[in-house]
Every structure is written in C-alpha cells, then in structure tokens.
Amino acid sequence: MAQGSDRFQIEYKYEIYFGRDNTQWVDRKLDLTWDQIFLTLASTLVTSASEKAMTQALADEISAEQLQKQNEVRILPKSFEQVTIQLHSLGLIIPAADPGIWTLSPFGREQLTKLKAIKRP
C-alpha cells in the first residue's frame, strides 16, 4: 500500500484573474508524498476536522507552495476522496461520530509525533 515517501498526484484547480470580472479556472496536478499530505492535514485532525477544513488545509498548502496566495485553489473531489481513503486504510485517520468529520487515530498521533519530532543531526 502506498505510504510514507511514495508519491501521489493531487488534482486541483486554481483561479487566474485577468482583470475585473475576468477569471479563468486552470486544472493542475501536484506530486506530494503521503508523508507531506499527512503532515499537511494532521494539525487540523488533532481535534477532529470536517472534510471542508481538510480540503481547505490542502488547498492552502498548494497555494502557499505553488501559487500566489491570492489565487483560490480547489481540490478536486476525486483526489480528496482518494486521500481520505488512503489515510484511513493506513490507519492514520478514523471517522468521528458525526458524518464528514475525521480525526487522528492513536496510530496517526504516533506517526505525527515521529514525523514532527526533531531528529538528532
């Protein structure tokens, strides 16, 4: 199963402004590792997060890394669905009591600690 440093292409759209009332949406793909995706989402999942908050966290990361911050980014639903399925399959996230809400599993918390901890040089 893909995980860790294995790569996944997140498909997204972003909006380009050509002036007043003149915009265009552009389709793009970005290769990220599963660790990068997990770390991007993990902070929002510590206390549970809606799928909307999760997609916004991914969109914010893409915007910060790839685009000018003023561009709106939208993660394509099929990409987000694959991300949640994969992270759930890896045992990193679990559904909360309410539909559409996810949280870190105990294993996910352990992995977050390992990935975020400062390692010796």
PDB file of N, CA and C in Angstrom:
ATOM      1  N   MET A   1       0.846  -1.182   0.000  1.00  0.00           N
ATOM      2  CA  MET A   1       0.000   0.000   0.000  1.00  0.00           C
ATOM      3  C   MET A   1       0.892   1.246   0.000  1.00  0.00           C
ATOM      4  N   ALA A   2       0.547   2.228  -0.830  1.00  0.00           N
ATOM      5  CA  ALA A   2       1.331   3.460  -0.921  1.00  0.00           C
ATOM      6  C   ALA A   2       1.302   4.201   0.414  1.00  0.00           C
ATOM      7  N   GLN A   3       2.479   4.674   0.835  1.00  0.00           N
ATOM      8  CA  GLN A   3       2.602   5.386   2.105  1.00  0.00           C
ATOM      9  C   GLN A   3       3.941   6.097   2.180  1.00  0.00           C
ATOM     10  N   GLY A   4       4.149   6.848   3.265  1.00  0.00           N
ATOM     11  CA  GLY A   4       5.445   7.475   3.523  1.00  0.00           C
ATOM     12  C   GLY A   4       5.956   8.318   2.376  1.00  0.00           C
ATOM     13  N   SER A   5       7.093   7.908   1.798  1.00  0.00           N
ATOM     14  CA  SER A   5       7.725   8.683   0.724  1.00  0.00           C
ATOM     15  C   SER A   5       7.174   8.357  -0.668  1.00  0.00           C
ATOM     16  N   ASP A   6       6.203   7.433  -0.749  1.00  0.00           N
ATOM     17  CA  ASP A   6       5.544   7.182  -2.026  1.00  0.00           C
ATOM     18  C   ASP A   6       4.785   8.444  -2.428  1.00  0.00           C
ATOM     19  N   ARG A   7       4.698   8.668  -3.729  1.00  0.00           N
ATOM     20  CA  ARG A   7       4.098   9.902  -4.225  1.00  0.00           C
ATOM     21  C   ARG A   7       2.666   9.695  -4.713  1.00  0.00           C
ATOM     22  N   PHE A   8       1.887  10.786  -4.611  1.00  0.00           N
ATOM     23  CA  PHE A   8       0.505  10.801  -5.087  1.00  0.00           C
ATOM     24  C   PHE A   8       0.267  12.140  -5.772  1.00  0.00           C
ATOM     25  N   GLN A   9      -0.426  12.112  -6.893  1.00  0.00           N
ATOM     26  CA  GLN A   9      -0.751  13.348  -7.611  1.00  0.00           C
ATOM     27  C   GLN A   9      -2.092  13.888  -7.145  1.00  0.00           C
ATOM     28  N   ILE A  10      -2.060  15.041  -6.517  1.00  0.00           N
ATOM     29  CA  ILE A  10      -3.298  15.713  -6.120  1.00  0.00           C
ATOM     30  C   ILE A  10      -3.730  16.598  -7.289  1.00  0.00           C
ATOM     31  N   GLU A  11      -4.967  16.408  -7.709  1.00  0.00           N
ATOM     32  CA  GLU A  11      -5.515  17.226  -8.785  1.00  0.00           C
ATOM     33  C   GLU A  11      -6.283  18.388  -8.166  1.00  0.00           C
ATOM     34  N   TYR A  12      -6.050  19.570  -8.720  1.00  0.00           N
ATOM     35  CA  TYR A  12      -6.703  20.768  -8.194  1.00  0.00           C
ATOM     36  C   TYR A  12      -6.943  21.749  -9.329  1.00  0.00           C
ATOM     37  N   LYS A  13      -7.727  22.762  -9.009  1.00  0.00           N
ATOM     38  CA  LYS A  13      -7.973  23.876  -9.927  1.00  0.00           C
ATOM     39  C   LYS A  13      -7.592  25.149  -9.194  1.00  0.00           C
ATOM     40  N   TYR A  14      -7.130  26.113  -9.967  1.00  0.00           N
ATOM     41  CA  TYR A  14      -6.928  27.425  -9.358  1.00  0.00           C
ATOM     42  C   TYR A  14      -7.423  28.502 -10.312  1.00  0.00           C
ATOM     43  N   GLU A  15      -7.756  29.612  -9.711  1.00  0.00           N
ATOM     44  CA  GLU A  15      -8.373  30.707 -10.447  1.00  0.00           C
ATOM     45  C   GLU A  15      -7.319  31.761 -10.802  1.00  0.00           C
ATOM     46  N   ILE A  16      -7.320  32.144 -12.064  1.00  0.00           N
ATOM     47  CA  ILE A  16      -6.435  33.210 -12.536  1.00  0.00           C
ATOM     48  C   ILE A  16      -7.292  34.440 -12.811  1.00  0.00           C
ATOM     49  N   TYR A  17      -6.841  35.572 -12.316  1.00  0.00           N
ATOM     50  CA  TYR A  17      -7.536  36.837 -12.539  1.00  0.00           C
ATOM     51  C   TYR A  17      -6.878  37.577 -13.691  1.00  0.00           C
ATOM     52  N   PHE A  18      -7.665  37.947 -14.688  1.00  0.00           N
ATOM     53  CA  PHE A  18      -7.174  38.718 -15.827  1.00  0.00           C
ATOM     54  C   PHE A  18      -7.661  40.160 -15.776  1.00  0.00           C
ATOM     55  N   GLY A  19      -8.217  40.517 -14.691  1.00  0.00           N
ATOM     56  CA  GLY A  19      -8.767  41.863 -14.565  1.00  0.00           C
ATOM     57  C   GLY A  19     -10.180  41.778 -14.015  1.00  0.00           C
ATOM     58  N   ARG A  20     -10.785  42.884 -13.946  1.00  0.00           N
ATOM     59  CA  ARG A  20     -12.125  42.996 -13.373  1.00  0.00           C
ATOM     60  C   ARG A  20     -13.110  42.067 -14.083  1.00  0.00           C
ATOM     61  N   ASP A  21     -13.766  41.213 -13.312  1.00  0.00           N
ATOM     62  CA  ASP A  21     -14.775  40.277 -13.815  1.00  0.00           C
ATOM     63  C   ASP A  21     -14.266  39.363 -14.918  1.00  0.00           C
ATOM     64  N   ASN A  22     -12.972  39.119 -14.961  1.00  0.00           N
ATOM     65  CA  ASN A  22     -12.410  38.253 -15.987  1.00  0.00           C
ATOM     66  C   ASN A  22     -11.474  37.239 -15.320  1.00  0.00           C
ATOM     67  N   THR A  23     -11.994  36.037 -15.074  1.00  0.00           N
ATOM     68  CA  THR A  23     -11.209  34.988 -14.436  1.00  0.00           C
ATOM     69  C   THR A  23     -11.314  33.704 -15.244  1.00  0.00           C
ATOM     70  N   GLN A  24     -10.367  32.828 -14.984  1.00  0.00           N
ATOM     71  CA  GLN A  24     -10.371  31.524 -15.639  1.00  0.00           C
ATOM     72  C   GLN A  24      -9.850  30.489 -14.643  1.00  0.00           C
ATOM     73  N   TRP A  25     -10.463  29.295 -14.640  1.00  0.00           N
ATOM     74  CA  TRP A  25     -10.019  28.194 -13.798  1.00  0.00           C
ATOM     75  C   TRP A  25      -9.076  27.307 -14.601  1.00  0.00           C
ATOM     76  N   VAL A  26      -7.962  26.950 -13.994  1.00  0.00           N
ATOM     77  CA  VAL A  26      -6.940  26.127 -14.640  1.00  0.00           C
ATOM     78  C   VAL A  26      -6.768  24.838 -13.853  1.00  0.00           C
ATOM     79  N   ASP A  27      -6.752  23.695 -14.565  1.00  0.00           N
ATOM     80  CA  ASP A  27      -6.536  22.397 -13.923  1.00  0.00           C
ATOM     81  C   ASP A  27      -5.043  22.142 -13.783  1.00  0.00           C
ATOM     82  N   ARG A  28      -4.655  21.615 -12.628  1.00  0.00           N
ATOM     83  CA  ARG A  28      -3.261  21.280 -12.366  1.00  0.00           C
ATOM     84  C   ARG A  28      -3.182  20.014 -11.534  1.00  0.00           C
ATOM     85  N   LYS A  29      -1.958  19.463 -11.467  1.00  0.00           N
ATOM     86  CA  LYS A  29      -1.663  18.307 -10.621  1.00  0.00           C
ATOM     87  C   LYS A  29      -0.377  18.611  -9.874  1.00  0.00           C
ATOM     88  N   LEU A  30      -0.291  18.113  -8.650  1.00  0.00           N
ATOM     89  CA  LEU A  30       0.912  18.304  -7.843  1.00  0.00           C
ATOM     90  C   LEU A  30       1.277  16.978  -7.202  1.00  0.00           C
ATOM     91  N   ASP A  31       2.527  16.562  -7.381  1.00  0.00           N
ATOM     92  CA  ASP A  31       3.035  15.354  -6.735  1.00  0.00           C
ATOM     93  C   ASP A  31       3.456  15.680  -5.311  1.00  0.00           C
ATOM     94  N   LEU A  32       2.877  14.971  -4.362  1.00  0.00           N
ATOM     95  CA  LEU A  32       3.278  15.078  -2.961  1.00  0.00           C
ATOM     96  C   LEU A  32       3.485  13.676  -2.425  1.00  0.00           C
ATOM     97  N   THR A  33       4.320  13.558  -1.395  1.00  0.00           N
ATOM     98  CA  THR A  33       4.449  12.256  -0.747  1.00  0.00           C
ATOM     99  C   THR A  33       3.287  12.090   0.222  1.00  0.00           C
ATOM    100  N   TRP A  34       3.027  10.850   0.595  1.00  0.00           N
ATOM    101  CA  TRP A  34       1.966  10.605   1.573  1.00  0.00           C
ATOM    102  C   TRP A  34       2.314  11.239   2.916  1.00  0.00           C
ATOM    103  N   ASP A  35       3.603  11.280   3.258  1.00  0.00           N
ATOM    104  CA  ASP A  35       4.002  11.957   4.495  1.00  0.00           C
ATOM    105  C   ASP A  35       3.685  13.446   4.426  1.00  0.00           C
ATOM    106  N   GLN A  36       3.946  14.085   3.281  1.00  0.00           N
ATOM    107  CA  GLN A  36       3.626  15.510   3.130  1.00  0.00           C
ATOM    108  C   GLN A  36       2.122  15.748   3.264  1.00  0.00           C
ATOM    109  N   ILE A  37       1.348  14.898   2.628  1.00  0.00           N
ATOM    110  CA  ILE A  37      -0.113  15.035   2.696  1.00  0.00           C
ATOM    111  C   ILE A  37      -0.579  14.861   4.133  1.00  0.00           C
ATOM    112  N   PHE A  38      -0.078  13.821   4.787  1.00  0.00           N
ATOM    113  CA  PHE A  38      -0.471  13.557   6.170  1.00  0.00           C
ATOM    114  C   PHE A  38      -0.093  14.723   7.082  1.00  0.00           C
ATOM    115  N   LEU A  39       1.136  15.225   6.948  1.00  0.00           N
ATOM    116  CA  LEU A  39       1.561  16.342   7.796  1.00  0.00           C
ATOM    117  C   LEU A  39       0.744  17.601   7.546  1.00  0.00           C
ATOM    118  N   THR A  40       0.346  17.818   6.304  1.00  0.00           N
ATOM    119  CA  THR A  40      -0.489  18.973   5.981  1.00  0.00           C
ATOM    120  C   THR A  40      -1.833  18.890   6.697  1.00  0.00           C
ATOM    121  N   LEU A  41      -2.386  17.693   6.764  1.00  0.00           N
ATOM    122  CA  LEU A  41      -3.711  17.507   7.357  1.00  0.00           C
ATOM    123  C   LEU A  41      -3.684  17.252   8.862  1.00  0.00           C
ATOM    124  N   ALA A  42      -2.601  16.704   9.367  1.00  0.00           N
ATOM    125  CA  ALA A  42      -2.554  16.224  10.751  1.00  0.00           C
ATOM    126  C   ALA A  42      -2.860  17.305  11.787  1.00  0.00           C
ATOM    127  N   SER A  43      -2.358  18.498  11.584  1.00  0.00           N
ATOM    128  CA  SER A  43      -2.599  19.567  12.572  1.00  0.00           C
ATOM    129  C   SER A  43      -4.081  19.865  12.717  1.00  0.00           C
ATOM    130  N   THR A  44      -4.822  19.825  11.611  1.00  0.00           N
ATOM    131  CA  THR A  44      -6.259  20.087  11.697  1.00  0.00           C
ATOM    132  C   THR A  44      -7.005  18.893  12.294  1.00  0.00           C
ATOM    133  N   LEU A  45      -6.398  17.706  12.208  1.00  0.00           N
ATOM    134  CA  LEU A  45      -7.080  16.493  12.659  1.00  0.00           C
ATOM    135  C   LEU A  45      -6.843  16.153  14.127  1.00  0.00           C
ATOM    136  N   VAL A  46      -5.956  16.869  14.786  1.00  0.00           N
ATOM    137  CA  VAL A  46      -5.661  16.576  16.197  1.00  0.00           C
ATOM    138  C   VAL A  46      -6.934  16.662  17.032  1.00  0.00           C
ATOM    139  N   THR A  47      -7.778  17.619  16.733  1.00  0.00           N
ATOM    140  CA  THR A  47      -9.021  17.773  17.491  1.00  0.00           C
ATOM    141  C   THR A  47     -10.262  17.477  16.656  1.00  0.00           C
ATOM    142  N   SER A  48     -10.100  16.767  15.572  1.00  0.00           N
ATOM    143  CA  SER A  48     -11.155  16.436  14.603  1.00  0.00           C
ATOM    144  C   SER A  48     -11.351  17.597  13.629  1.00  0.00           C
ATOM    145  N   ALA A  49     -11.686  17.244  12.405  1.00  0.00           N
ATOM    146  CA  ALA A  49     -11.875  18.272  11.377  1.00  0.00           C
ATOM    147  C   ALA A  49     -12.903  17.797  10.368  1.00  0.00           C
ATOM    148  N   SER A  50     -13.628  18.749   9.823  1.00  0.00           N
ATOM    149  CA  SER A  50     -14.581  18.451   8.759  1.00  0.00           C
ATOM    150  C   SER A  50     -13.816  18.214   7.464  1.00  0.00           C
ATOM    151  N   GLU A  51     -14.467  17.564   6.530  1.00  0.00           N
ATOM    152  CA  GLU A  51     -13.856  17.363   5.223  1.00  0.00           C
ATOM    153  C   GLU A  51     -13.593  18.712   4.550  1.00  0.00           C
ATOM    154  N   LYS A  52     -14.445  19.686   4.811  1.00  0.00           N
ATOM    155  CA  LYS A  52     -14.239  21.028   4.260  1.00  0.00           C
ATOM    156  C   LYS A  52     -12.944  21.641   4.805  1.00  0.00           C
ATOM    157  N   ALA A  53     -12.723  21.509   6.103  1.00  0.00           N
ATOM    158  CA  ALA A  53     -11.491  22.039   6.705  1.00  0.00           C
ATOM    159  C   ALA A  53     -10.261  21.305   6.182  1.00  0.00           C
ATOM    160  N   MET A  54     -10.406  20.003   5.949  1.00  0.00           N
ATOM    161  CA  MET A  54      -9.290  19.216   5.420  1.00  0.00           C
ATOM    162  C   MET A  54      -8.942  19.639   3.995  1.00  0.00           C
ATOM    163  N   THR A  55      -9.971  19.806   3.149  1.00  0.00           N
ATOM    164  CA  THR A  55      -9.685  20.224   1.769  1.00  0.00           C
ATOM    165  C   THR A  55      -9.100  21.636   1.757  1.00  0.00           C
ATOM    166  N   GLN A  56      -9.554  22.475   2.669  1.00  0.00           N
ATOM    167  CA  GLN A  56      -9.005  23.834   2.739  1.00  0.00           C
ATOM    168  C   GLN A  56      -7.542  23.803   3.167  1.00  0.00           C
ATOM    169  N   ALA A  57      -7.187  22.919   4.094  1.00  0.00           N
ATOM    170  CA  ALA A  57      -5.782  22.793   4.515  1.00  0.00           C
ATOM    171  C   ALA A  57      -4.895  22.376   3.342  1.00  0.00           C
ATOM    172  N   LEU A  58      -5.363  21.419   2.547  1.00  0.00           N
ATOM    173  CA  LEU A  58      -4.611  21.006   1.358  1.00  0.00           C
ATOM    174  C   LEU A  58      -4.515  22.147   0.347  1.00  0.00           C
ATOM    175  N   ALA A  59      -5.624  22.831   0.124  1.00  0.00           N
ATOM    176  CA  ALA A  59      -5.641  23.952  -0.820  1.00  0.00           C
ATOM    177  C   ALA A  59      -4.695  25.065  -0.371  1.00  0.00           C
ATOM    178  N   ASP A  60      -4.689  25.350   0.924  1.00  0.00           N
ATOM    179  CA  ASP A  60      -3.797  26.387   1.456  1.00  0.00           C
ATOM    180  C   ASP A  60      -2.332  26.005   1.255  1.00  0.00           C
ATOM    181  N   GLU A  61      -2.013  24.729   1.463  1.00  0.00           N
ATOM    182  CA  GLU A  61      -0.642  24.261   1.270  1.00  0.00           C
ATOM    183  C   GLU A  61      -0.223  24.399  -0.189  1.00  0.00           C
ATOM    184  N   ILE A  62      -1.092  23.999  -1.088  1.00  0.00           N
ATOM    185  CA  ILE A  62      -0.787  24.121  -2.520  1.00  0.00           C
ATOM    186  C   ILE A  62      -0.624  25.581  -2.904  1.00  0.00           C
ATOM    187  N   SER A  63      -1.512  26.426  -2.428  1.00  0.00           N
ATOM    188  CA  SER A  63      -1.442  27.854  -2.731  1.00  0.00           C
ATOM    189  C   SER A  63      -0.132  28.453  -2.224  1.00  0.00           C
ATOM    190  N   ALA A  64       0.261  28.089  -1.019  1.00  0.00           N
ATOM    191  CA  ALA A  64       1.489  28.630  -0.436  1.00  0.00           C
ATOM    192  C   ALA A  64       2.728  28.132  -1.182  1.00  0.00           C
ATOM    193  N   GLU A  65       2.701  26.890  -1.619  1.00  0.00           N
ATOM    194  CA  GLU A  65       3.867  26.291  -2.272  1.00  0.00           C
ATOM    195  C   GLU A  65       3.962  26.606  -3.759  1.00  0.00           C
ATOM    196  N   GLN A  66       2.837  26.658  -4.445  1.00  0.00           N
ATOM    197  CA  GLN A  66       2.840  26.702  -5.898  1.00  0.00           C
ATOM    198  C   GLN A  66       2.380  28.013  -6.522  1.00  0.00           C
ATOM    199  N   LEU A  67       1.568  28.758  -5.835  1.00  0.00           N
ATOM    200  CA  LEU A  67       0.891  29.895  -6.455  1.00  0.00           C
ATOM    201  C   LEU A  67       1.040  31.149  -5.624  1.00  0.00           C
ATOM    202  N   GLN A  68       0.603  32.241  -6.203  1.00  0.00           N
ATOM    203  CA  GLN A  68       0.485  33.456  -5.415  1.00  0.00           C
ATOM    204  C   GLN A  68      -0.693  33.269  -4.470  1.00  0.00           C
ATOM    205  N   LYS A  69      -0.540  33.710  -3.268  1.00  0.00           N
ATOM    206  CA  LYS A  69      -1.556  33.446  -2.249  1.00  0.00           C
ATOM    207  C   LYS A  69      -2.941  33.976  -2.595  1.00  0.00           C
ATOM    208  N   GLN A  70      -3.040  34.942  -3.503  1.00  0.00           N
ATOM    209  CA  GLN A  70      -4.360  35.484  -3.799  1.00  0.00           C
ATOM    210  C   GLN A  70      -5.183  34.582  -4.711  1.00  0.00           C
ATOM    211  N   ASN A  71      -4.575  33.552  -5.306  1.00  0.00           N
ATOM    212  CA  ASN A  71      -5.325  32.647  -6.169  1.00  0.00           C
ATOM    213  C   ASN A  71      -6.127  31.661  -5.324  1.00  0.00           C
ATOM    214  N   GLU A  72      -7.380  31.470  -5.687  1.00  0.00           N
ATOM    215  CA  GLU A  72      -8.208  30.488  -4.995  1.00  0.00           C
ATOM    216  C   GLU A  72      -7.879  29.104  -5.554  1.00  0.00           C
ATOM    217  N   VAL A  73      -7.721  28.130  -4.662  1.00  0.00           N
ATOM    218  CA  VAL A  73      -7.406  26.761  -5.050  1.00  0.00           C
ATOM    219  C   VAL A  73      -8.536  25.862  -4.593  1.00  0.00           C
ATOM    220  N   ARG A  74      -8.940  24.935  -5.460  1.00  0.00           N
ATOM    221  CA  ARG A  74      -9.962  23.937  -5.117  1.00  0.00           C
ATOM    222  C   ARG A  74      -9.424  22.550  -5.426  1.00  0.00           C
ATOM    223  N   ILE A  75      -9.419  21.702  -4.425  1.00  0.00           N
ATOM    224  CA  ILE A  75      -9.004  20.311  -4.600  1.00  0.00           C
ATOM    225  C   ILE A  75     -10.149  19.574  -5.291  1.00  0.00           C
ATOM    226  N   LEU A  76      -9.829  18.789  -6.319  1.00  0.00           N
ATOM    227  CA  LEU A  76     -10.879  18.033  -6.996  1.00  0.00           C
ATOM    228  C   LEU A  76     -11.391  16.935  -6.074  1.00  0.00           C
ATOM    229  N   PRO A  77     -12.710  16.743  -6.038  1.00  0.00           N
ATOM    230  CA  PRO A  77     -13.305  15.771  -5.114  1.00  0.00           C
ATOM    231  C   PRO A  77     -12.716  14.363  -5.212  1.00  0.00           C
ATOM    232  N   LYS A  78     -12.414  13.888  -6.424  1.00  0.00           N
ATOM    233  CA  LYS A  78     -11.872  12.530  -6.549  1.00  0.00           C
ATOM    234  C   LYS A  78     -10.489  12.426  -5.906  1.00  0.00           C
ATOM    235  N   SER A  79      -9.696  13.483  -5.952  1.00  0.00           N
ATOM    236  CA  SER A  79      -8.388  13.475  -5.291  1.00  0.00           C
ATOM    237  C   SER A  79      -8.552  13.464  -3.778  1.00  0.00           C
ATOM    238  N   PHE A  80      -9.449  14.311  -3.285  1.00  0.00           N
ATOM    239  CA  PHE A  80      -9.655  14.352  -1.838  1.00  0.00           C
ATOM    240  C   PHE A  80     -10.198  13.021  -1.327  1.00  0.00           C
ATOM    241  N   GLU A  81     -11.122  12.434  -2.062  1.00  0.00           N
ATOM    242  CA  GLU A  81     -11.668  11.135  -1.660  1.00  0.00           C
ATOM    243  C   GLU A  81     -10.555  10.091  -1.590  1.00  0.00           C
ATOM    244  N   GLN A  82      -9.654  10.090  -2.560  1.00  0.00           N
ATOM    245  CA  GLN A  82      -8.547   9.125  -2.540  1.00  0.00           C
ATOM    246  C   GLN A  82      -7.641   9.363  -1.338  1.00  0.00           C
ATOM    247  N   VAL A  83      -7.406  10.623  -1.001  1.00  0.00           N
ATOM    248  CA  VAL A  83      -6.579  10.951   0.162  1.00  0.00           C
ATOM    249  C   VAL A  83      -7.210  10.400   1.435  1.00  0.00           C
ATOM    250  N   THR A  84      -8.496  10.640   1.646  1.00  0.00           N
ATOM    251  CA  THR A  84      -9.133  10.148   2.874  1.00  0.00           C
ATOM    252  C   THR A  84      -9.165   8.623   2.911  1.00  0.00           C
ATOM    253  N   ILE A  85      -9.444   7.995   1.775  1.00  0.00           N
ATOM    254  CA  ILE A  85      -9.454   6.522   1.730  1.00  0.00           C
ATOM    255  C   ILE A  85      -8.067   5.981   2.077  1.00  0.00           C
ATOM    256  N   GLN A  86      -7.039   6.578   1.490  1.00  0.00           N
ATOM    257  CA  GLN A  86      -5.682   6.080   1.726  1.00  0.00           C
ATOM    258  C   GLN A  86      -5.252   6.277   3.174  1.00  0.00           C
ATOM    259  N   LEU A  87      -5.468   7.465   3.715  1.00  0.00           N
ATOM    260  CA  LEU A  87      -5.062   7.720   5.101  1.00  0.00           C
ATOM    261  C   LEU A  87      -5.849   6.851   6.078  1.00  0.00           C
ATOM    262  N   HIS A  88      -7.102   6.602   5.766  1.00  0.00           N
ATOM    263  CA  HIS A  88      -7.917   5.715   6.590  1.00  0.00           C
ATOM    264  C   HIS A  88      -7.410   4.275   6.475  1.00  0.00           C
ATOM    265  N   SER A  89      -7.105   3.835   5.258  1.00  0.00           N
ATOM    266  CA  SER A  89      -6.593   2.481   5.038  1.00  0.00           C
ATOM    267  C   SER A  89      -5.262   2.257   5.745  1.00  0.00           C
ATOM    268  N   LEU A  90      -4.456   3.310   5.835  1.00  0.00           N
ATOM    269  CA  LEU A  90      -3.172   3.217   6.528  1.00  0.00           C
ATOM    270  C   LEU A  90      -3.323   3.271   8.047  1.00  0.00           C
ATOM    271  N   GLY A  91      -4.540   3.492   8.520  1.00  0.00           N
ATOM    272  CA  GLY A  91      -4.786   3.548   9.960  1.00  0.00           C
ATOM    273  C   GLY A  91      -4.397   4.858  10.599  1.00  0.00           C
ATOM    274  N   LEU A  92      -4.206   5.910   9.791  1.00  0.00           N
ATOM    275  CA  LEU A  92      -3.774   7.206  10.312  1.00  0.00           C
ATOM    276  C   LEU A  92      -4.939   8.075  10.764  1.00  0.00           C
ATOM    277  N   ILE A  93      -6.082   7.944  10.101  1.00  0.00           N
ATOM    278  CA  ILE A  93      -7.263   8.730  10.473  1.00  0.00           C
ATOM    279  C   ILE A  93      -8.456   7.797  10.628  1.00  0.00           C
ATOM    280  N   ILE A  94      -9.399   8.238  11.435  1.00  0.00           N
ATOM    281  CA  ILE A  94     -10.638   7.481  11.649  1.00  0.00           C
ATOM    282  C   ILE A  94     -11.818   8.451  11.600  1.00  0.00           C
ATOM    283  N   PRO A  95     -12.980   7.936  11.175  1.00  0.00           N
ATOM    284  CA  PRO A  95     -14.150   8.820  11.172  1.00  0.00           C
ATOM    285  C   PRO A  95     -14.583   9.126  12.603  1.00  0.00           C
ATOM    286  N   ALA A  96     -15.025  10.345  12.814  1.00  0.00           N
ATOM    287  CA  ALA A  96     -15.573  10.733  14.121  1.00  0.00           C
ATOM    288  C   ALA A  96     -17.044  10.326  14.149  1.00  0.00           C
ATOM    289  N   ALA A  97     -17.710  10.636  15.226  1.00  0.00           N
ATOM    290  CA  ALA A  97     -19.117  10.254  15.384  1.00  0.00           C
ATOM    291  C   ALA A  97     -20.022  10.922  14.349  1.00  0.00           C
ATOM    292  N   ASP A  98     -19.713  12.147  13.995  1.00  0.00           N
ATOM    293  CA  ASP A  98     -20.530  12.872  13.023  1.00  0.00           C
ATOM    294  C   ASP A  98     -20.058  12.587  11.601  1.00  0.00           C
ATOM    295  N   PRO A  99     -20.979  12.441  10.660  1.00  0.00           N
ATOM    296  CA  PRO A  99     -20.588  12.193   9.263  1.00  0.00           C
ATOM    297  C   PRO A  99     -19.752  13.343   8.698  1.00  0.00           C
ATOM    298  N   GLY A 100     -18.744  12.989   7.903  1.00  0.00           N
ATOM    299  CA  GLY A 100     -17.909  14.009   7.272  1.00  0.00           C
ATOM    300  C   GLY A 100     -16.865  14.615   8.186  1.00  0.00           C
ATOM    301  N   ILE A 101     -16.714  14.058   9.381  1.00  0.00           N
ATOM    302  CA  ILE A 101     -15.723  14.541  10.342  1.00  0.00           C
ATOM    303  C   ILE A 101     -14.695  13.430  10.555  1.00  0.00           C
ATOM    304  N   TRP A 102     -13.418  13.794  10.530  1.00  0.00           N
ATOM    305  CA  TRP A 102     -12.324  12.848  10.707  1.00  0.00           C
ATOM    306  C   TRP A 102     -11.442  13.299  11.860  1.00  0.00           C
ATOM    307  N   THR A 103     -10.713  12.347  12.421  1.00  0.00           N
ATOM    308  CA  THR A 103      -9.760  12.648  13.485  1.00  0.00           C
ATOM    309  C   THR A 103      -8.565  11.718  13.361  1.00  0.00           C
ATOM    310  N   LEU A 104      -7.476  12.077  14.005  1.00  0.00           N
ATOM    311  CA  LEU A 104      -6.318  11.193  14.012  1.00  0.00           C
ATOM    312  C   LEU A 104      -6.628   9.949  14.833  1.00  0.00           C
ATOM    313  N   SER A 105      -6.186   8.814  14.379  1.00  0.00           N
ATOM    314  CA  SER A 105      -6.270   7.587  15.162  1.00  0.00           C
ATOM    315  C   SER A 105      -5.105   7.603  16.157  1.00  0.00           C
ATOM    316  N   PRO A 106      -5.117   6.721  17.152  1.00  0.00           N
ATOM    317  CA  PRO A 106      -3.946   6.640  18.044  1.00  0.00           C
ATOM    318  C   PRO A 106      -2.645   6.387  17.249  1.00  0.00           C
ATOM    319  N   PHE A 107      -2.714   5.535  16.233  1.00  0.00           N
ATOM    320  CA  PHE A 107      -1.547   5.283  15.382  1.00  0.00           C
ATOM    321  C   PHE A 107      -1.164   6.551  14.616  1.00  0.00           C
ATOM    322  N   GLY A 108      -2.152   7.304  14.152  1.00  0.00           N
ATOM    323  CA  GLY A 108      -1.894   8.564  13.457  1.00  0.00           C
ATOM    324  C   GLY A 108      -1.185   9.563  14.352  1.00  0.00           C
ATOM    325  N   ARG A 109      -1.598   9.622  15.621  1.00  0.00           N
ATOM    326  CA  ARG A 109      -0.932  10.525  16.577  1.00  0.00           C
ATOM    327  C   ARG A 109       0.529  10.109  16.777  1.00  0.00           C
ATOM    328  N   GLU A 110       0.747   8.810  16.850  1.00  0.00           N
ATOM    329  CA  GLU A 110       2.103   8.283  16.999  1.00  0.00           C
ATOM    330  C   GLU A 110       2.958   8.641  15.770  1.00  0.00           C
ATOM    331  N   GLN A 111       2.401   8.470  14.586  1.00  0.00           N
ATOM    332  CA  GLN A 111       3.115   8.800  13.354  1.00  0.00           C
ATOM    333  C   GLN A 111       3.396  10.300  13.265  1.00  0.00           C
ATOM    334  N   LEU A 112       2.431  11.110  13.663  1.00  0.00           N
ATOM    335  CA  LEU A 112       2.621  12.557  13.660  1.00  0.00           C
ATOM    336  C   LEU A 112       3.791  12.939  14.554  1.00  0.00           C
ATOM    337  N   THR A 113       3.850  12.349  15.718  1.00  0.00           N
ATOM    338  CA  THR A 113       4.947  12.618  16.647  1.00  0.00           C
ATOM    339  C   THR A 113       6.285  12.222  16.032  1.00  0.00           C
ATOM    340  N   LYS A 114       6.338  11.060  15.394  1.00  0.00           N
ATOM    341  CA  LYS A 114       7.589  10.608  14.768  1.00  0.00           C
ATOM    342  C   LYS A 114       8.021  11.533  13.639  1.00  0.00           C
ATOM    343  N   LEU A 115       7.070  11.960  12.823  1.00  0.00           N
ATOM    344  CA  LEU A 115       7.411  12.808  11.681  1.00  0.00           C
ATOM    345  C   LEU A 115       7.779  14.235  12.081  1.00  0.00           C
ATOM    346  N   LYS A 116       7.152  14.751  13.132  1.00  0.00           N
ATOM    347  CA  LYS A 116       7.374  16.139  13.549  1.00  0.00           C
ATOM    348  C   LYS A 116       8.532  16.307  14.527  1.00  0.00           C
ATOM    349  N   ALA A 117       8.883  15.223  15.217  1.00  0.00           N
ATOM    350  CA  ALA A 117       9.944  15.327  16.232  1.00  0.00           C
ATOM    351  C   ALA A 117      11.270  15.731  15.592  1.00  0.00           C
ATOM    352  N   ILE A 118      12.005  16.535  16.285  1.00  0.00           N
ATOM    353  CA  ILE A 118      13.312  16.960  15.791  1.00  0.00           C
ATOM    354  C   ILE A 118      14.288  15.809  16.010  1.00  0.00           C
ATOM    355  N   LYS A 119      14.943  15.444  14.915  1.00  0.00           N
ATOM    356  CA  LYS A 119      15.871  14.337  14.972  1.00  0.00           C
ATOM    357  C   LYS A 119      17.281  14.836  15.197  1.00  0.00           C
ATOM    358  N   ARG A 120      18.090  13.972  15.788  1.00  0.00           N
ATOM    359  CA  ARG A 120      19.497  14.301  16.010  1.00  0.00           C
ATOM    360  C   ARG A 120      20.223  14.448  14.691  1.00  0.00           C
ATOM    361  N   PRO A 121      21.153  15.386  14.614  1.00  0.00           N
ATOM    362  CA  PRO A 121      21.944  15.520  13.368  1.00  0.00           C
ATOM    363  C   PRO A 121      22.867  14.320  13.159  1.00  0.00           C
TER     364      PRO A 121
END
